[in-house]
C-alpha cells in the first residue's frame, strides 16, 4: 500500500494517506475527510504565469509538442 502526502481541508494538518481508501478521519482534528481531496490539497502550487511563458517560448521555437505539454499542466 502506497501512501501519498495530503493535507486536511479542515485543520490543514499534514497527513500521509493511502490512495486505496475513500475516507479517513484526520489524526489532528478528527474530521472525516475525502482522501482524494486531501491529496489534491497537498499538491504543490503551480505558477501558471510561468507555464504560459514557457509555452509561448516553445511555440516561438516551433516546438509544438513541448508547448502543448506546458499548456496541459
PDB file of N, CA and C in Angstrom:
ATOM      1  N   UNK A   1       0.846  -1.168   0.000  1.00  0.00           N
ATOM      2  CA  UNK A   1       0.000   0.000   0.000  1.00  0.00           C
ATOM      3  C   UNK A   1       0.898   1.240   0.000  1.00  0.00           C
ATOM      4  N   UNK A   2       0.675   2.093  -0.975  1.00  0.00           N
ATOM      5  CA  UNK A   2       1.483   3.305  -1.099  1.00  0.00           C
ATOM      6  C   UNK A   2       0.756   4.488  -0.452  1.00  0.00           C
ATOM      7  N   UNK A   3       1.491   5.279   0.321  1.00  0.00           N
ATOM      8  CA  UNK A   3       0.939   6.452   0.976  1.00  0.00           C
ATOM      9  C   UNK A   3       1.361   7.712   0.228  1.00  0.00           C
ATOM     10  N   UNK A   4       0.457   8.682   0.167  1.00  0.00           N
ATOM     11  CA  UNK A   4       0.715   9.950  -0.522  1.00  0.00           C
ATOM     12  C   UNK A   4       0.610  11.098   0.468  1.00  0.00           C
ATOM     13  N   UNK A   5       1.368  12.173   0.260  1.00  0.00           N
ATOM     14  CA  UNK A   5       1.215  13.354   1.116  1.00  0.00           C
ATOM     15  C   UNK A   5      -0.173  13.953   0.922  1.00  0.00           C
ATOM     16  N   UNK A   6      -0.762  14.427   2.005  1.00  0.00           N
ATOM     17  CA  UNK A   6      -2.102  15.011   1.958  1.00  0.00           C
ATOM     18  C   UNK A   6      -2.197  16.105   3.010  1.00  0.00           C
ATOM     19  N   UNK A   7      -3.259  16.910   2.903  1.00  0.00           N
ATOM     20  CA  UNK A   7      -3.500  17.988   3.857  1.00  0.00           C
ATOM     21  C   UNK A   7      -4.980  17.989   4.224  1.00  0.00           C
ATOM     22  N   UNK A   8      -5.270  18.052   5.515  1.00  0.00           N
ATOM     23  CA  UNK A   8      -6.653  18.071   5.982  1.00  0.00           C
ATOM     24  C   UNK A   8      -7.316  19.379   5.545  1.00  0.00           C
ATOM     25  N   UNK A   9      -8.474  19.315   4.877  1.00  0.00           N
ATOM     26  CA  UNK A   9      -9.150  20.533   4.449  1.00  0.00           C
ATOM     27  C   UNK A   9      -9.733  21.332   5.617  1.00  0.00           C
ATOM     28  N   UNK A  10      -9.871  20.711   6.781  1.00  0.00           N
ATOM     29  CA  UNK A  10     -10.444  21.392   7.939  1.00  0.00           C
ATOM     30  C   UNK A  10      -9.378  22.113   8.768  1.00  0.00           C
ATOM     31  N   UNK A  11      -8.311  21.403   9.139  1.00  0.00           N
ATOM     32  CA  UNK A  11      -7.307  21.982  10.046  1.00  0.00           C
ATOM     33  C   UNK A  11      -5.949  22.204   9.385  1.00  0.00           C
ATOM     34  N   UNK A  12      -5.799  21.806   8.125  1.00  0.00           N
ATOM     35  CA  UNK A  12      -4.542  21.910   7.366  1.00  0.00           C
ATOM     36  C   UNK A  12      -3.436  21.028   7.921  1.00  0.00           C
ATOM     37  N   UNK A  13      -3.813  20.010   8.683  1.00  0.00           N
ATOM     38  CA  UNK A  13      -2.827  19.081   9.208  1.00  0.00           C
ATOM     39  C   UNK A  13      -2.155  18.296   8.090  1.00  0.00           C
ATOM     40  N   UNK A  14      -0.862  18.070   8.226  1.00  0.00           N
ATOM     41  CA  UNK A  14      -0.089  17.335   7.237  1.00  0.00           C
ATOM     42  C   UNK A  14      -0.267  15.837   7.473  1.00  0.00           C
ATOM     43  N   UNK A  15      -0.702  15.122   6.438  1.00  0.00           N
ATOM     44  CA  UNK A  15      -1.031  13.707   6.564  1.00  0.00           C
ATOM     45  C   UNK A  15      -0.323  12.884   5.486  1.00  0.00           C
ATOM     46  N   UNK A  16      -0.260  11.587   5.710  1.00  0.00           N
ATOM     47  CA  UNK A  16       0.176  10.601   4.722  1.00  0.00           C
ATOM     48  C   UNK A  16      -0.968   9.610   4.607  1.00  0.00           C
ATOM     49  N   UNK A  17      -1.613   9.561   3.428  1.00  0.00           N
ATOM     50  CA  UNK A  17      -2.820   8.745   3.280  1.00  0.00           C
ATOM     51  C   UNK A  17      -2.677   7.740   2.143  1.00  0.00           C
ATOM     52  N   UNK A  18      -3.292   6.562   2.300  1.00  0.00           N
ATOM     53  CA  UNK A  18      -3.288   5.579   1.220  1.00  0.00           C
ATOM     54  C   UNK A  18      -4.309   5.973   0.149  1.00  0.00           C
ATOM     55  N   UNK A  19      -3.943   5.811  -1.099  1.00  0.00           N
ATOM     56  CA  UNK A  19      -4.843   6.147  -2.205  1.00  0.00           C
ATOM     57  C   UNK A  19      -5.991   5.150  -2.339  1.00  0.00           C
ATOM     58  N   UNK A  20      -5.852   3.988  -1.748  1.00  0.00           N
ATOM     59  CA  UNK A  20      -6.840   2.924  -1.917  1.00  0.00           C
ATOM     60  C   UNK A  20      -8.061   3.083  -1.019  1.00  0.00           C
ATOM     61  N   UNK A  21      -8.056   4.084  -0.145  1.00  0.00           N
ATOM     62  CA  UNK A  21      -9.154   4.324   0.786  1.00  0.00           C
ATOM     63  C   UNK A  21      -9.896   5.582   0.339  1.00  0.00           C
ATOM     64  N   UNK A  22     -11.220   5.599   0.513  1.00  0.00           N
ATOM     65  CA  UNK A  22     -12.004   6.762   0.092  1.00  0.00           C
ATOM     66  C   UNK A  22     -12.093   7.837   1.173  1.00  0.00           C
ATOM     67  N   UNK A  23     -12.310   7.440   2.406  1.00  0.00           N
ATOM     68  CA  UNK A  23     -12.471   8.396   3.516  1.00  0.00           C
ATOM     69  C   UNK A  23     -11.650   7.939   4.717  1.00  0.00           C
ATOM     70  N   UNK A  24     -11.142   8.935   5.459  1.00  0.00           N
ATOM     71  CA  UNK A  24     -10.424   8.675   6.706  1.00  0.00           C
ATOM     72  C   UNK A  24     -10.782   9.775   7.710  1.00  0.00           C
ATOM     73  N   UNK A  25     -10.398   9.572   8.958  1.00  0.00           N
ATOM     74  CA  UNK A  25     -10.525  10.612   9.974  1.00  0.00           C
ATOM     75  C   UNK A  25      -9.160  11.278  10.118  1.00  0.00           C
ATOM     76  N   UNK A  26      -9.179  12.603  10.189  1.00  0.00           N
ATOM     77  CA  UNK A  26      -7.937  13.349  10.385  1.00  0.00           C
ATOM     78  C   UNK A  26      -7.357  13.002  11.754  1.00  0.00           C
ATOM     79  N   UNK A  27      -6.055  12.779  11.800  1.00  0.00           N
ATOM     80  CA  UNK A  27      -5.388  12.446  13.056  1.00  0.00           C
ATOM     81  C   UNK A  27      -5.336  13.627  14.007  1.00  0.00           C
ATOM     82  N   UNK A  28      -5.468  14.841  13.487  1.00  0.00           N
ATOM     83  CA  UNK A  28      -5.334  16.042  14.303  1.00  0.00           C
ATOM     84  C   UNK A  28      -6.668  16.578  14.811  1.00  0.00           C
ATOM     85  N   UNK A  29      -7.668  16.677  13.930  1.00  0.00           N
ATOM     86  CA  UNK A  29      -8.940  17.293  14.327  1.00  0.00           C
ATOM     87  C   UNK A  29     -10.104  16.307  14.394  1.00  0.00           C
ATOM     88  N   UNK A  30      -9.922  15.087  13.894  1.00  0.00           N
ATOM     89  CA  UNK A  30     -10.959  14.074  13.968  1.00  0.00           C
ATOM     90  C   UNK A  30     -12.051  14.175  12.909  1.00  0.00           C
ATOM     91  N   UNK A  31     -11.960  15.129  11.993  1.00  0.00           N
ATOM     92  CA  UNK A  31     -12.961  15.280  10.931  1.00  0.00           C
ATOM     93  C   UNK A  31     -12.832  14.170   9.899  1.00  0.00           C
ATOM     94  N   UNK A  32     -13.970  13.732   9.361  1.00  0.00           N
ATOM     95  CA  UNK A  32     -13.949  12.819   8.223  1.00  0.00           C
ATOM     96  C   UNK A  32     -13.500  13.609   6.999  1.00  0.00           C
ATOM     97  N   UNK A  33     -12.552  13.063   6.259  1.00  0.00           N
ATOM     98  CA  UNK A  33     -12.076  13.745   5.056  1.00  0.00           C
ATOM     99  C   UNK A  33     -12.059  12.769   3.884  1.00  0.00           C
ATOM    100  N   UNK A  34     -12.248  13.307   2.694  1.00  0.00           N
ATOM    101  CA  UNK A  34     -12.174  12.530   1.462  1.00  0.00           C
ATOM    102  C   UNK A  34     -10.706  12.490   1.051  1.00  0.00           C
ATOM    103  N   UNK A  35     -10.159  11.293   0.923  1.00  0.00           N
ATOM    104  CA  UNK A  35      -8.733  11.113   0.659  1.00  0.00           C
ATOM    105  C   UNK A  35      -8.308  11.831  -0.618  1.00  0.00           C
ATOM    106  N   UNK A  36      -9.076  11.663  -1.692  1.00  0.00           N
ATOM    107  CA  UNK A  36      -8.724  12.275  -2.978  1.00  0.00           C
ATOM    108  C   UNK A  36      -8.592  13.795  -2.847  1.00  0.00           C
ATOM    109  N   UNK A  37      -9.523  14.429  -2.128  1.00  0.00           N
ATOM    110  CA  UNK A  37      -9.487  15.884  -1.941  1.00  0.00           C
ATOM    111  C   UNK A  37      -8.287  16.309  -1.099  1.00  0.00           C
ATOM    112  N   UNK A  38      -7.992  15.537  -0.064  1.00  0.00           N
ATOM    113  CA  UNK A  38      -6.868  15.860   0.814  1.00  0.00           C
ATOM    114  C   UNK A  38      -5.537  15.742   0.074  1.00  0.00           C
ATOM    115  N   UNK A  39      -5.423  14.770  -0.817  1.00  0.00           N
ATOM    116  CA  UNK A  39      -4.197  14.610  -1.606  1.00  0.00           C
ATOM    117  C   UNK A  39      -4.028  15.790  -2.557  1.00  0.00           C
ATOM    118  N   UNK A  40      -5.135  16.238  -3.167  1.00  0.00           N
ATOM    119  CA  UNK A  40      -5.067  17.396  -4.066  1.00  0.00           C
ATOM    120  C   UNK A  40      -4.616  18.648  -3.332  1.00  0.00           C
ATOM    121  N   UNK A  41      -5.042  18.814  -2.080  1.00  0.00           N
ATOM    122  CA  UNK A  41      -4.647  19.990  -1.303  1.00  0.00           C
ATOM    123  C   UNK A  41      -3.153  20.024  -1.017  1.00  0.00           C
ATOM    124  N   UNK A  42      -2.523  18.863  -0.974  1.00  0.00           N
ATOM    125  CA  UNK A  42      -1.094  18.791  -0.675  1.00  0.00           C
ATOM    126  C   UNK A  42      -0.229  18.970  -1.921  1.00  0.00           C
ATOM    127  N   UNK A  43      -0.848  19.007  -3.089  1.00  0.00           N
ATOM    128  CA  UNK A  43      -0.089  19.159  -4.337  1.00  0.00           C
ATOM    129  C   UNK A  43       0.592  20.526  -4.358  1.00  0.00           C
ATOM    130  N   UNK A  44       1.775  20.589  -4.920  1.00  0.00           N
ATOM    131  CA  UNK A  44       2.475  21.881  -4.983  1.00  0.00           C
ATOM    132  C   UNK A  44       1.698  22.888  -5.821  1.00  0.00           C
ATOM    133  N   UNK A  45       1.811  24.141  -5.445  1.00  0.00           N
ATOM    134  CA  UNK A  45       1.145  25.213  -6.175  1.00  0.00           C
ATOM    135  C   UNK A  45       1.977  25.541  -7.415  1.00  0.00           C
ATOM    136  N   UNK A  46       1.304  25.606  -8.547  1.00  0.00           N
ATOM    137  CA  UNK A  46       1.981  25.854  -9.816  1.00  0.00           C
ATOM    138  C   UNK A  46       1.783  27.311 -10.214  1.00  0.00           C
ATOM    139  N   UNK A  47       2.859  27.950 -10.650  1.00  0.00           N
ATOM    140  CA  UNK A  47       2.783  29.321 -11.126  1.00  0.00           C
ATOM    141  C   UNK A  47       2.353  29.283 -12.590  1.00  0.00           C
ATOM    142  N   UNK A  48       1.075  29.538 -12.846  1.00  0.00           N
ATOM    143  CA  UNK A  48       0.542  29.436 -14.205  1.00  0.00           C
ATOM    144  C   UNK A  48       1.136  30.476 -15.140  1.00  0.00           C
ATOM    145  N   UNK A  49       1.522  31.616 -14.609  1.00  0.00           N
ATOM    146  CA  UNK A  49       2.159  32.641 -15.448  1.00  0.00           C
ATOM    147  C   UNK A  49       3.455  32.133 -16.054  1.00  0.00           C
ATOM    148  N   UNK A  50       4.246  31.426 -15.248  1.00  0.00           N
ATOM    149  CA  UNK A  50       5.498  30.852 -15.757  1.00  0.00           C
ATOM    150  C   UNK A  50       5.231  29.782 -16.808  1.00  0.00           C
ATOM    151  N   UNK A  51       4.216  28.949 -16.571  1.00  0.00           N
ATOM    152  CA  UNK A  51       3.892  27.899 -17.538  1.00  0.00           C
ATOM    153  C   UNK A  51       3.467  28.494 -18.877  1.00  0.00           C
ATOM    154  N   UNK A  52       2.666  29.548 -18.832  1.00  0.00           N
ATOM    155  CA  UNK A  52       2.231  30.194 -20.075  1.00  0.00           C
ATOM    156  C   UNK A  52       3.411  30.810 -20.818  1.00  0.00           C
ATOM    157  N   UNK A  53       4.324  31.405 -20.079  1.00  0.00           N
ATOM    158  CA  UNK A  53       5.512  31.993 -20.705  1.00  0.00           C
ATOM    159  C   UNK A  53       6.379  30.911 -21.349  1.00  0.00           C
ATOM    160  N   UNK A  54       6.548  29.790 -20.667  1.00  0.00           N
ATOM    161  CA  UNK A  54       7.308  28.681 -21.234  1.00  0.00           C
ATOM    162  C   UNK A  54       6.633  28.134 -22.490  1.00  0.00           C
ATOM    163  N   UNK A  55       5.307  28.039 -22.465  1.00  0.00           N
ATOM    164  CA  UNK A  55       4.567  27.552 -23.629  1.00  0.00           C
ATOM    165  C   UNK A  55       4.731  28.502 -24.812  1.00  0.00           C
ATOM    166  N   UNK A  56       4.639  29.801 -24.557  1.00  0.00           N
ATOM    167  CA  UNK A  56       4.809  30.789 -25.629  1.00  0.00           C
ATOM    168  C   UNK A  56       6.215  30.718 -26.222  1.00  0.00           C
ATOM    169  N   UNK A  57       7.214  30.548 -25.372  1.00  0.00           N
ATOM    170  CA  UNK A  57       8.598  30.424 -25.855  1.00  0.00           C
ATOM    171  C   UNK A  57       8.770  29.167 -26.698  1.00  0.00           C
ATOM    172  N   UNK A  58       8.129  28.084 -26.288  1.00  0.00           N
ATOM    173  CA  UNK A  58       8.216  26.839 -27.055  1.00  0.00           C
ATOM    174  C   UNK A  58       7.558  27.004 -28.422  1.00  0.00           C
ATOM    175  N   UNK A  59       6.443  27.711 -28.474  1.00  0.00           N
ATOM    176  CA  UNK A  59       5.780  27.960 -29.760  1.00  0.00           C
ATOM    177  C   UNK A  59       6.679  28.814 -30.653  1.00  0.00           C
ATOM    178  N   UNK A  60       7.314  29.827 -30.087  1.00  0.00           N
ATOM    179  CA  UNK A  60       8.223  30.681 -30.864  1.00  0.00           C
ATOM    180  C   UNK A  60       9.367  29.877 -31.467  1.00  0.00           C
ATOM    181  N   UNK A  61       9.757  28.819 -30.761  1.00  0.00           N
ATOM    182  CA  UNK A  61      10.843  27.964 -31.245  1.00  0.00           C
ATOM    183  C   UNK A  61      10.313  26.811 -32.093  1.00  0.00           C
ATOM    184  N   UNK A  62       9.037  26.856 -32.456  1.00  0.00           N
ATOM    185  CA  UNK A  62       8.364  25.814 -33.243  1.00  0.00           C
ATOM    186  C   UNK A  62       8.418  24.441 -32.576  1.00  0.00           C
ATOM    187  N   UNK A  63       8.452  24.431 -31.254  1.00  0.00           N
ATOM    188  CA  UNK A  63       8.443  23.179 -30.501  1.00  0.00           C
ATOM    189  C   UNK A  63       7.031  22.981 -29.955  1.00  0.00           C
ATOM    190  N   UNK A  64       6.145  22.542 -30.830  1.00  0.00           N
ATOM    191  CA  UNK A  64       4.722  22.484 -30.516  1.00  0.00           C
ATOM    192  C   UNK A  64       4.374  21.390 -29.505  1.00  0.00           C
ATOM    193  N   UNK A  65       5.104  20.308 -29.512  1.00  0.00           N
ATOM    194  CA  UNK A  65       4.842  19.233 -28.547  1.00  0.00           C
ATOM    195  C   UNK A  65       5.136  19.723 -27.134  1.00  0.00           C
ATOM    196  N   UNK A  66       6.265  20.391 -26.962  1.00  0.00           N
ATOM    197  CA  UNK A  66       6.624  20.932 -25.649  1.00  0.00           C
ATOM    198  C   UNK A  66       5.613  22.001 -25.216  1.00  0.00           C
ATOM    199  N   UNK A  67       5.206  22.865 -26.130  1.00  0.00           N
ATOM    200  CA  UNK A  67       4.222  23.898 -25.813  1.00  0.00           C
ATOM    201  C   UNK A  67       2.917  23.264 -25.347  1.00  0.00           C
ATOM    202  N   UNK A  68       2.494  22.229 -26.029  1.00  0.00           N
ATOM    203  CA  UNK A  68       1.265  21.532 -25.654  1.00  0.00           C
ATOM    204  C   UNK A  68       1.381  20.955 -24.249  1.00  0.00           C
ATOM    205  N   UNK A  69       2.542  20.437 -23.908  1.00  0.00           N
ATOM    206  CA  UNK A  69       2.740  19.887 -22.563  1.00  0.00           C
ATOM    207  C   UNK A  69       2.618  20.980 -21.508  1.00  0.00           C
ATOM    208  N   UNK A  70       3.191  22.146 -21.764  1.00  0.00           N
ATOM    209  CA  UNK A  70       3.074  23.256 -20.811  1.00  0.00           C
ATOM    210  C   UNK A  70       1.634  23.735 -20.680  1.00  0.00           C
ATOM    211  N   UNK A  71       0.926  23.811 -21.784  1.00  0.00           N
ATOM    212  CA  UNK A  71      -0.470  24.251 -21.748  1.00  0.00           C
ATOM    213  C   UNK A  71      -1.358  23.269 -20.989  1.00  0.00           C
ATOM    214  N   UNK A  72      -0.975  22.005 -20.960  1.00  0.00           N
ATOM    215  CA  UNK A  72      -1.811  20.991 -20.323  1.00  0.00           C
ATOM    216  C   UNK A  72      -1.425  20.676 -18.879  1.00  0.00           C
ATOM    217  N   UNK A  73      -0.438  21.364 -18.331  1.00  0.00           N
ATOM    218  CA  UNK A  73      -0.063  21.119 -16.910  1.00  0.00           C
ATOM    219  C   UNK A  73      -1.046  21.776 -15.987  1.00  0.00           C
TER     220      UNK A  73
END
